[in-house]
Amino acid sequence: MMRKLLLLLPMILALAACQTVPTGPGAASDYYQRGRSALLGENFSAAIENFQEAVRLDPRYGEAFYGLGQAYEATGRKQLALKAYLDAIAVQPSLGKAQAAAGRLYFEQRDYGPAEAYLNKATTLIPSDPAPFYYLGEIYRMQGKCNSSVSMFKKALALNPAFLDAKDGLRRTQSEVCKSSGTRKTSTRTPTRPTYQKTDVFTGGGRALKPSEW
């Protein structure tokens, strides 16, 4: 009898465990999926609640932090969105879309230093996304960097030829930045000094004067 109880004990414990409330990554994933569904349905308050619960259960859930950022951004709470994107990057640095989103929000705040850093990382992690290249092109255009700006806009257009903002940015860079930088280039040739020829007769305008008439 005792032997049977010992054999059944693991099964009893396993059954009891199945009846407890799920916690950890599995439950976090459930809340994440609910958050995604709510976000797609534009139920942003429900999305925020579910994403918050997902990251509470699993504080290293980068995708859930990113979803939380999207939900905050959809409701106009840009600072909370930026914090969520940065939290996503902190726990999952390889999450390129979070790098791109953080860079874009820094760009919108005109904080171009961190914007450039995050956008550059995004171009490496998600090279098929034209948006980071576009925003880098805009940053370089405003900094007066002709070649860098043109390069970024062309990369964005290579990925999406119908990207109208990138087309406009390229046009503005070529007509404003590149053209003005070309006119600022100075010649490296040494200017020649004018030569003068000494003469006894004035040959300027009007009648020539003889020395006796000076």
Foldseek 3Di string as FASTA:
>chain_A
DVVVCVVCVVVVVVVVVVPDDDAAQVVLVVLQVQLVVCVVVVVLVSNLVSLVVSCVRPVLPLSSLQSNLVSCVVVVNNVSSLVSLVSSCVSPVLPLVSLQSNLVSCVVVVVNPSNLVSLVSSCVSPVLALSSLQSQLVVCLVVLNLVSNLVSLVSSCVSPVVPVSSVVSNVCSVVPRVVVVVVPDDDPDDDDDDDDDDDQWDDDPDDIDGVVVD
